[in-house]
Amino acid sequence: MPSTPPYLSLGELGDLLSVQSWRIARLFELGVIPEPPRVGGRRLIPKTLVPQVVDALRERDWLPRHDPDMGPCVDDRLFGAGAVTTR
């Protein structure tokens, strides 16, 4: 069984979070989150960095906080049911 890569592209992360990818790119450009490695000019975002991205998007109201009445949240999809990010 092939393993999943430890990185996501900007577009993949944007799709996963249902957020426009430019918003995620802006976090890196502004230095809110450390710039990830690039391959062929494209950012490869380590999956370990995803919680920081989620927190930074929420701080800017670019990603809603979880409402339990709305069903599974991004934290559940990314990290398993019951998981929460640091903020």
PDB file of N, CA and C in Angstrom:
ATOM      1  N   MET A   1       0.849  -1.185   0.000  1.00  0.00           N
ATOM      2  CA  MET A   1       0.000   0.000   0.000  1.00  0.00           C
ATOM      3  C   MET A   1       0.892   1.244   0.000  1.00  0.00           C
ATOM      4  N   PRO A   2       0.715   2.155  -0.949  1.00  0.00           N
ATOM      5  CA  PRO A   2       1.549   3.352  -1.002  1.00  0.00           C
ATOM      6  C   PRO A   2       1.210   4.304   0.145  1.00  0.00           C
ATOM      7  N   SER A   3       2.245   4.926   0.682  1.00  0.00           N
ATOM      8  CA  SER A   3       2.027   5.890   1.757  1.00  0.00           C
ATOM      9  C   SER A   3       1.682   7.254   1.161  1.00  0.00           C
ATOM     10  N   THR A   4       1.011   8.071   1.955  1.00  0.00           N
ATOM     11  CA  THR A   4       0.671   9.410   1.485  1.00  0.00           C
ATOM     12  C   THR A   4       1.877  10.318   1.684  1.00  0.00           C
ATOM     13  N   PRO A   5       2.106  11.248   0.776  1.00  0.00           N
ATOM     14  CA  PRO A   5       3.254  12.140   0.914  1.00  0.00           C
ATOM     15  C   PRO A   5       3.092  13.039   2.138  1.00  0.00           C
ATOM     16  N   PRO A   6       4.214  13.431   2.742  1.00  0.00           N
ATOM     17  CA  PRO A   6       4.145  14.268   3.950  1.00  0.00           C
ATOM     18  C   PRO A   6       3.899  15.749   3.649  1.00  0.00           C
ATOM     19  N   TYR A   7       3.655  16.083   2.389  1.00  0.00           N
ATOM     20  CA  TYR A   7       3.461  17.473   1.976  1.00  0.00           C
ATOM     21  C   TYR A   7       2.148  17.636   1.223  1.00  0.00           C
ATOM     22  N   LEU A   8       1.639  18.865   1.256  1.00  0.00           N
ATOM     23  CA  LEU A   8       0.479  19.249   0.454  1.00  0.00           C
ATOM     24  C   LEU A   8       0.873  20.453  -0.386  1.00  0.00           C
ATOM     25  N   SER A   9       0.321  20.543  -1.573  1.00  0.00           N
ATOM     26  CA  SER A   9       0.514  21.762  -2.363  1.00  0.00           C
ATOM     27  C   SER A   9      -0.416  22.833  -1.804  1.00  0.00           C
ATOM     28  N   LEU A  10      -0.176  24.053  -2.194  1.00  0.00           N
ATOM     29  CA  LEU A  10      -1.026  25.161  -1.767  1.00  0.00           C
ATOM     30  C   LEU A  10      -2.466  24.923  -2.195  1.00  0.00           C
ATOM     31  N   GLY A  11      -2.651  24.473  -3.435  1.00  0.00           N
ATOM     32  CA  GLY A  11      -3.993  24.206  -3.950  1.00  0.00           C
ATOM     33  C   GLY A  11      -4.676  23.066  -3.215  1.00  0.00           C
ATOM     34  N   GLU A  12      -3.918  22.002  -2.910  1.00  0.00           N
ATOM     35  CA  GLU A  12      -4.496  20.871  -2.179  1.00  0.00           C
ATOM     36  C   GLU A  12      -4.964  21.297  -0.794  1.00  0.00           C
ATOM     37  N   LEU A  13      -4.140  22.094  -0.112  1.00  0.00           N
ATOM     38  CA  LEU A  13      -4.526  22.554   1.220  1.00  0.00           C
ATOM     39  C   LEU A  13      -5.723  23.491   1.141  1.00  0.00           C
ATOM     40  N   GLY A  14      -5.740  24.370   0.158  1.00  0.00           N
ATOM     41  CA  GLY A  14      -6.886  25.253  -0.022  1.00  0.00           C
ATOM     42  C   GLY A  14      -8.165  24.472  -0.268  1.00  0.00           C
ATOM     43  N   ASP A  15      -8.087  23.461  -1.116  1.00  0.00           N
ATOM     44  CA  ASP A  15      -9.261  22.619  -1.380  1.00  0.00           C
ATOM     45  C   ASP A  15      -9.699  21.881  -0.123  1.00  0.00           C
ATOM     46  N   LEU A  16      -8.747  21.345   0.610  1.00  0.00           N
ATOM     47  CA  LEU A  16      -9.057  20.592   1.821  1.00  0.00           C
ATOM     48  C   LEU A  16      -9.751  21.462   2.864  1.00  0.00           C
ATOM     49  N   LEU A  17      -9.299  22.716   2.976  1.00  0.00           N
ATOM     50  CA  LEU A  17      -9.862  23.635   3.968  1.00  0.00           C
ATOM     51  C   LEU A  17     -11.033  24.453   3.429  1.00  0.00           C
ATOM     52  N   SER A  18     -11.317  24.325   2.135  1.00  0.00           N
ATOM     53  CA  SER A  18     -12.347  25.147   1.474  1.00  0.00           C
ATOM     54  C   SER A  18     -12.034  26.629   1.625  1.00  0.00           C
ATOM     55  N   VAL A  19     -10.762  26.963   1.382  1.00  0.00           N
ATOM     56  CA  VAL A  19     -10.267  28.338   1.492  1.00  0.00           C
ATOM     57  C   VAL A  19      -9.531  28.654   0.197  1.00  0.00           C
ATOM     58  N   GLN A  20      -9.667  29.888  -0.274  1.00  0.00           N
ATOM     59  CA  GLN A  20      -8.933  30.293  -1.467  1.00  0.00           C
ATOM     60  C   GLN A  20      -7.434  30.200  -1.183  1.00  0.00           C
ATOM     61  N   SER A  21      -6.696  29.601  -2.097  1.00  0.00           N
ATOM     62  CA  SER A  21      -5.273  29.355  -1.849  1.00  0.00           C
ATOM     63  C   SER A  21      -4.469  30.640  -1.675  1.00  0.00           C
ATOM     64  N   TRP A  22      -4.927  31.759  -2.239  1.00  0.00           N
ATOM     65  CA  TRP A  22      -4.185  33.011  -2.063  1.00  0.00           C
ATOM     66  C   TRP A  22      -4.159  33.417  -0.595  1.00  0.00           C
ATOM     67  N   ARG A  23      -5.184  33.053   0.154  1.00  0.00           N
ATOM     68  CA  ARG A  23      -5.198  33.398   1.579  1.00  0.00           C
ATOM     69  C   ARG A  23      -4.095  32.656   2.325  1.00  0.00           C
ATOM     70  N   ILE A  24      -3.892  31.403   1.971  1.00  0.00           N
ATOM     71  CA  ILE A  24      -2.825  30.630   2.605  1.00  0.00           C
ATOM     72  C   ILE A  24      -1.470  31.192   2.185  1.00  0.00           C
ATOM     73  N   ALA A  25      -1.319  31.499   0.902  1.00  0.00           N
ATOM     74  CA  ALA A  25      -0.062  32.072   0.414  1.00  0.00           C
ATOM     75  C   ALA A  25       0.252  33.378   1.134  1.00  0.00           C
ATOM     76  N   ARG A  26      -0.768  34.179   1.394  1.00  0.00           N
ATOM     77  CA  ARG A  26      -0.562  35.458   2.072  1.00  0.00           C
ATOM     78  C   ARG A  26       0.027  35.265   3.470  1.00  0.00           C
ATOM     79  N   LEU A  27      -0.360  34.204   4.160  1.00  0.00           N
ATOM     80  CA  LEU A  27       0.195  33.928   5.489  1.00  0.00           C
ATOM     81  C   LEU A  27       1.707  33.742   5.414  1.00  0.00           C
ATOM     82  N   PHE A  28       2.180  33.072   4.373  1.00  0.00           N
ATOM     83  CA  PHE A  28       3.618  32.878   4.194  1.00  0.00           C
ATOM     84  C   PHE A  28       4.294  34.177   3.785  1.00  0.00           C
ATOM     85  N   GLU A  29       3.677  34.906   2.865  1.00  0.00           N
ATOM     86  CA  GLU A  29       4.259  36.156   2.366  1.00  0.00           C
ATOM     87  C   GLU A  29       4.421  37.184   3.479  1.00  0.00           C
ATOM     88  N   LEU A  30       3.483  37.220   4.410  1.00  0.00           N
ATOM     89  CA  LEU A  30       3.531  38.183   5.512  1.00  0.00           C
ATOM     90  C   LEU A  30       4.409  37.716   6.671  1.00  0.00           C
ATOM     91  N   GLY A  31       4.898  36.480   6.592  1.00  0.00           N
ATOM     92  CA  GLY A  31       5.749  35.962   7.654  1.00  0.00           C
ATOM     93  C   GLY A  31       4.984  35.475   8.872  1.00  0.00           C
ATOM     94  N   VAL A  32       3.672  35.320   8.747  1.00  0.00           N
ATOM     95  CA  VAL A  32       2.855  34.819   9.850  1.00  0.00           C
ATOM     96  C   VAL A  32       3.250  33.374  10.154  1.00  0.00           C
ATOM     97  N   ILE A  33       3.561  32.632   9.112  1.00  0.00           N
ATOM     98  CA  ILE A  33       3.979  31.238   9.197  1.00  0.00           C
ATOM     99  C   ILE A  33       5.283  31.131   8.409  1.00  0.00           C
ATOM    100  N   PRO A  34       6.236  30.345   8.901  1.00  0.00           N
ATOM    101  CA  PRO A  34       7.500  30.208   8.159  1.00  0.00           C
ATOM    102  C   PRO A  34       7.281  29.687   6.744  1.00  0.00           C
ATOM    103  N   GLU A  35       8.023  30.245   5.842  1.00  0.00           N
ATOM    104  CA  GLU A  35       7.931  29.846   4.424  1.00  0.00           C
ATOM    105  C   GLU A  35       8.319  28.372   4.281  1.00  0.00           C
ATOM    106  N   PRO A  36       7.465  27.568   3.643  1.00  0.00           N
ATOM    107  CA  PRO A  36       7.799  26.155   3.451  1.00  0.00           C
ATOM    108  C   PRO A  36       8.777  25.981   2.293  1.00  0.00           C
ATOM    109  N   PRO A  37       9.324  24.778   2.164  1.00  0.00           N
ATOM    110  CA  PRO A  37      10.230  24.538   1.028  1.00  0.00           C
ATOM    111  C   PRO A  37       9.482  24.653  -0.297  1.00  0.00           C
ATOM    112  N   ARG A  38      10.242  24.950  -1.329  1.00  0.00           N
ATOM    113  CA  ARG A  38       9.669  25.043  -2.678  1.00  0.00           C
ATOM    114  C   ARG A  38      10.348  24.027  -3.587  1.00  0.00           C
ATOM    115  N   VAL A  39       9.562  23.497  -4.488  1.00  0.00           N
ATOM    116  CA  VAL A  39      10.084  22.603  -5.522  1.00  0.00           C
ATOM    117  C   VAL A  39       9.516  23.103  -6.838  1.00  0.00           C
ATOM    118  N   GLY A  40      10.386  23.442  -7.740  1.00  0.00           N
ATOM    119  CA  GLY A  40       9.934  23.978  -9.022  1.00  0.00           C
ATOM    120  C   GLY A  40       9.164  25.281  -8.851  1.00  0.00           C
ATOM    121  N   GLY A  41       9.507  26.052  -7.840  1.00  0.00           N
ATOM    122  CA  GLY A  41       8.841  27.325  -7.589  1.00  0.00           C
ATOM    123  C   GLY A  41       7.521  27.215  -6.835  1.00  0.00           C
ATOM    124  N   ARG A  42       7.098  26.016  -6.524  1.00  0.00           N
ATOM    125  CA  ARG A  42       5.824  25.812  -5.821  1.00  0.00           C
ATOM    126  C   ARG A  42       6.073  25.406  -4.380  1.00  0.00           C
ATOM    127  N   ARG A  43       5.252  25.971  -3.496  1.00  0.00           N
ATOM    128  CA  ARG A  43       5.375  25.636  -2.084  1.00  0.00           C
ATOM    129  C   ARG A  43       4.899  24.212  -1.826  1.00  0.00           C
ATOM    130  N   LEU A  44       5.657  23.492  -1.005  1.00  0.00           N
ATOM    131  CA  LEU A  44       5.248  22.186  -0.508  1.00  0.00           C
ATOM    132  C   LEU A  44       5.056  22.338   0.997  1.00  0.00           C
ATOM    133  N   ILE A  45       3.821  22.303   1.420  1.00  0.00           N
ATOM    134  CA  ILE A  45       3.498  22.576   2.814  1.00  0.00           C
ATOM    135  C   ILE A  45       3.529  21.271   3.607  1.00  0.00           C
ATOM    136  N   PRO A  46       4.440  21.171   4.584  1.00  0.00           N
ATOM    137  CA  PRO A  46       4.479  19.959   5.398  1.00  0.00           C
ATOM    138  C   PRO A  46       3.161  19.785   6.147  1.00  0.00           C
ATOM    139  N   LYS A  47       2.690  18.564   6.227  1.00  0.00           N
ATOM    140  CA  LYS A  47       1.435  18.315   6.942  1.00  0.00           C
ATOM    141  C   LYS A  47       1.531  18.725   8.402  1.00  0.00           C
ATOM    142  N   THR A  48       2.736  18.731   8.945  1.00  0.00           N
ATOM    143  CA  THR A  48       2.919  19.163  10.334  1.00  0.00           C
ATOM    144  C   THR A  48       2.649  20.654  10.514  1.00  0.00           C
ATOM    145  N   LEU A  49       2.658  21.412   9.428  1.00  0.00           N
ATOM    146  CA  LEU A  49       2.414  22.855   9.477  1.00  0.00           C
ATOM    147  C   LEU A  49       0.929  23.203   9.370  1.00  0.00           C
ATOM    148  N   VAL A  50       0.111  22.235   9.008  1.00  0.00           N
ATOM    149  CA  VAL A  50      -1.315  22.484   8.781  1.00  0.00           C
ATOM    150  C   VAL A  50      -2.019  23.068  10.012  1.00  0.00           C
ATOM    151  N   PRO A  51      -1.782  22.579  11.238  1.00  0.00           N
ATOM    152  CA  PRO A  51      -2.462  23.201  12.393  1.00  0.00           C
ATOM    153  C   PRO A  51      -2.158  24.693  12.527  1.00  0.00           C
ATOM    154  N   GLN A  52      -0.908  25.099  12.240  1.00  0.00           N
ATOM    155  CA  GLN A  52      -0.566  26.523  12.299  1.00  0.00           C
ATOM    156  C   GLN A  52      -1.315  27.309  11.226  1.00  0.00           C
ATOM    157  N   VAL A  53      -1.447  26.731  10.045  1.00  0.00           N
ATOM    158  CA  VAL A  53      -2.187  27.385   8.962  1.00  0.00           C
ATOM    159  C   VAL A  53      -3.645  27.557   9.378  1.00  0.00           C
ATOM    160  N   VAL A  54      -4.249  26.506   9.930  1.00  0.00           N
ATOM    161  CA  VAL A  54      -5.648  26.568  10.371  1.00  0.00           C
ATOM    162  C   VAL A  54      -5.816  27.661  11.419  1.00  0.00           C
ATOM    163  N   ASP A  55      -4.927  27.694  12.412  1.00  0.00           N
ATOM    164  CA  ASP A  55      -5.014  28.710  13.467  1.00  0.00           C
ATOM    165  C   ASP A  55      -4.883  30.124  12.899  1.00  0.00           C
ATOM    166  N   ALA A  56      -3.918  30.321  11.997  1.00  0.00           N
ATOM    167  CA  ALA A  56      -3.700  31.654  11.419  1.00  0.00           C
ATOM    168  C   ALA A  56      -4.890  32.091  10.566  1.00  0.00           C
ATOM    169  N   LEU A  57      -5.477  31.167   9.827  1.00  0.00           N
ATOM    170  CA  LEU A  57      -6.669  31.502   9.036  1.00  0.00           C
ATOM    171  C   LEU A  57      -7.826  31.889   9.954  1.00  0.00           C
ATOM    172  N   ARG A  58      -7.981  31.169  11.046  1.00  0.00           N
ATOM    173  CA  ARG A  58      -9.067  31.484  11.989  1.00  0.00           C
ATOM    174  C   ARG A  58      -8.840  32.829  12.666  1.00  0.00           C
ATOM    175  N   GLU A  59      -7.600  33.155  13.001  1.00  0.00           N
ATOM    176  CA  GLU A  59      -7.300  34.448  13.622  1.00  0.00           C
ATOM    177  C   GLU A  59      -7.728  35.603  12.725  1.00  0.00           C
ATOM    178  N   ARG A  60      -7.691  35.396  11.426  1.00  0.00           N
ATOM    179  CA  ARG A  60      -8.070  36.435  10.463  1.00  0.00           C
ATOM    180  C   ARG A  60      -9.511  36.309   9.999  1.00  0.00           C
ATOM    181  N   ASP A  61     -10.260  35.392  10.602  1.00  0.00           N
ATOM    182  CA  ASP A  61     -11.643  35.118  10.216  1.00  0.00           C
ATOM    183  C   ASP A  61     -11.753  34.678   8.755  1.00  0.00           C
ATOM    184  N   TRP A  62     -10.719  34.013   8.261  1.00  0.00           N
ATOM    185  CA  TRP A  62     -10.741  33.465   6.904  1.00  0.00           C
ATOM    186  C   TRP A  62     -11.191  32.012   6.922  1.00  0.00           C
ATOM    187  N   LEU A  63     -11.294  31.440   8.106  1.00  0.00           N
ATOM    188  CA  LEU A  63     -11.765  30.078   8.280  1.00  0.00           C
ATOM    189  C   LEU A  63     -12.623  30.089   9.539  1.00  0.00           C
ATOM    190  N   PRO A  64     -13.877  29.664   9.446  1.00  0.00           N
ATOM    191  CA  PRO A  64     -14.741  29.739  10.621  1.00  0.00           C
ATOM    192  C   PRO A  64     -14.306  28.774  11.717  1.00  0.00           C
ATOM    193  N   ARG A  65     -14.609  29.179  12.927  1.00  0.00           N
ATOM    194  CA  ARG A  65     -14.387  28.284  14.062  1.00  0.00           C
ATOM    195  C   ARG A  65     -15.463  27.224  14.032  1.00  0.00           C
ATOM    196  N   HIS A  66     -15.194  26.118  14.671  1.00  0.00           N
ATOM    197  CA  HIS A  66     -16.110  24.982  14.618  1.00  0.00           C
ATOM    198  C   HIS A  66     -17.374  25.233  15.439  1.00  0.00           C
ATOM    199  N   ASP A  67     -18.502  24.949  14.826  1.00  0.00           N
ATOM    200  CA  ASP A  67     -19.799  24.959  15.499  1.00  0.00           C
ATOM    201  C   ASP A  67     -20.267  23.513  15.540  1.00  0.00           C
ATOM    202  N   PRO A  68     -20.339  22.891  16.736  1.00  0.00           N
ATOM    203  CA  PRO A  68     -20.710  21.478  16.813  1.00  0.00           C
ATOM    204  C   PRO A  68     -22.042  21.152  16.159  1.00  0.00           C
ATOM    205  N   ASP A  69     -22.944  22.110  16.078  1.00  0.00           N
ATOM    206  CA  ASP A  69     -24.245  21.867  15.462  1.00  0.00           C
ATOM    207  C   ASP A  69     -24.157  21.737  13.943  1.00  0.00           C
ATOM    208  N   MET A  70     -23.016  22.118  13.362  1.00  0.00           N
ATOM    209  CA  MET A  70     -22.853  22.090  11.906  1.00  0.00           C
ATOM    210  C   MET A  70     -22.227  20.787  11.400  1.00  0.00           C
ATOM    211  N   GLY A  71     -21.971  19.831  12.281  1.00  0.00           N
ATOM    212  CA  GLY A  71     -21.398  18.557  11.853  1.00  0.00           C
ATOM    213  C   GLY A  71     -19.884  18.575  11.906  1.00  0.00           C
ATOM    214  N   PRO A  72     -19.227  17.659  11.178  1.00  0.00           N
ATOM    215  CA  PRO A  72     -17.770  17.549  11.222  1.00  0.00           C
ATOM    216  C   PRO A  72     -17.095  18.847  10.799  1.00  0.00           C
ATOM    217  N   CYS A  73     -16.024  19.159  11.460  1.00  0.00           N
ATOM    218  CA  CYS A  73     -15.292  20.388  11.144  1.00  0.00           C
ATOM    219  C   CYS A  73     -13.975  20.050  10.472  1.00  0.00           C
ATOM    220  N   VAL A  74     -13.247  21.072  10.096  1.00  0.00           N
ATOM    221  CA  VAL A  74     -11.971  20.885   9.425  1.00  0.00           C
ATOM    222  C   VAL A  74     -11.012  20.112  10.323  1.00  0.00           C
ATOM    223  N   ASP A  75     -11.073  20.326  11.628  1.00  0.00           N
ATOM    224  CA  ASP A  75     -10.194  19.607  12.541  1.00  0.00           C
ATOM    225  C   ASP A  75     -10.466  18.107  12.470  1.00  0.00           C
ATOM    226  N   ASP A  76     -11.743  17.730  12.385  1.00  0.00           N
ATOM    227  CA  ASP A  76     -12.095  16.311  12.277  1.00  0.00           C
ATOM    228  C   ASP A  76     -11.578  15.725  10.974  1.00  0.00           C
ATOM    229  N   ARG A  77     -11.725  16.462   9.866  1.00  0.00           N
ATOM    230  CA  ARG A  77     -11.293  15.958   8.562  1.00  0.00           C
ATOM    231  C   ARG A  77      -9.780  15.792   8.495  1.00  0.00           C
ATOM    232  N   LEU A  78      -9.054  16.702   9.135  1.00  0.00           N
ATOM    233  CA  LEU A  78      -7.596  16.675   9.038  1.00  0.00           C
ATOM    234  C   LEU A  78      -6.943  15.798  10.092  1.00  0.00           C
ATOM    235  N   PHE A  79      -7.454  15.854  11.318  1.00  0.00           N
ATOM    236  CA  PHE A  79      -6.727  15.273  12.427  1.00  0.00           C
ATOM    237  C   PHE A  79      -7.491  14.182  13.156  1.00  0.00           C
ATOM    238  N   GLY A  80      -8.709  13.849  12.721  1.00  0.00           N
ATOM    239  CA  GLY A  80      -9.504  12.824  13.376  1.00  0.00           C
ATOM    240  C   GLY A  80     -10.569  13.443  14.274  1.00  0.00           C
ATOM    241  N   ALA A  81     -11.628  12.714  14.493  1.00  0.00           N
ATOM    242  CA  ALA A  81     -12.754  13.213  15.298  1.00  0.00           C
ATOM    243  C   ALA A  81     -12.282  13.615  16.683  1.00  0.00           C
ATOM    244  N   GLY A  82     -12.780  14.750  17.138  1.00  0.00           N
ATOM    245  CA  GLY A  82     -12.477  15.231  18.476  1.00  0.00           C
ATOM    246  C   GLY A  82     -11.211  16.054  18.569  1.00  0.00           C
ATOM    247  N   ALA A  83     -10.456  16.164  17.486  1.00  0.00           N
ATOM    248  CA  ALA A  83      -9.198  16.930  17.515  1.00  0.00           C
ATOM    249  C   ALA A  83      -9.499  18.412  17.476  1.00  0.00           C
ATOM    250  N   VAL A  84      -8.650  19.183  18.106  1.00  0.00           N
ATOM    251  CA  VAL A  84      -8.767  20.640  18.046  1.00  0.00           C
ATOM    252  C   VAL A  84      -7.371  21.206  17.837  1.00  0.00           C
ATOM    253  N   THR A  85      -7.330  22.350  17.191  1.00  0.00           N
ATOM    254  CA  THR A  85      -6.048  23.025  17.021  1.00  0.00           C
ATOM    255  C   THR A  85      -5.782  23.841  18.270  1.00  0.00           C
ATOM    256  N   THR A  86      -4.646  24.510  18.316  1.00  0.00           N
ATOM    257  CA  THR A  86      -4.212  25.151  19.548  1.00  0.00           C
ATOM    258  C   THR A  86      -4.968  26.407  19.909  1.00  0.00           C
ATOM    259  N   ARG A  87      -5.716  26.967  18.975  1.00  0.00           N
ATOM    260  CA  ARG A  87      -6.435  28.212  19.307  1.00  0.00           C
ATOM    261  C   ARG A  87      -7.882  28.070  18.995  1.00  0.00           C
TER     262      ARG A  87
END
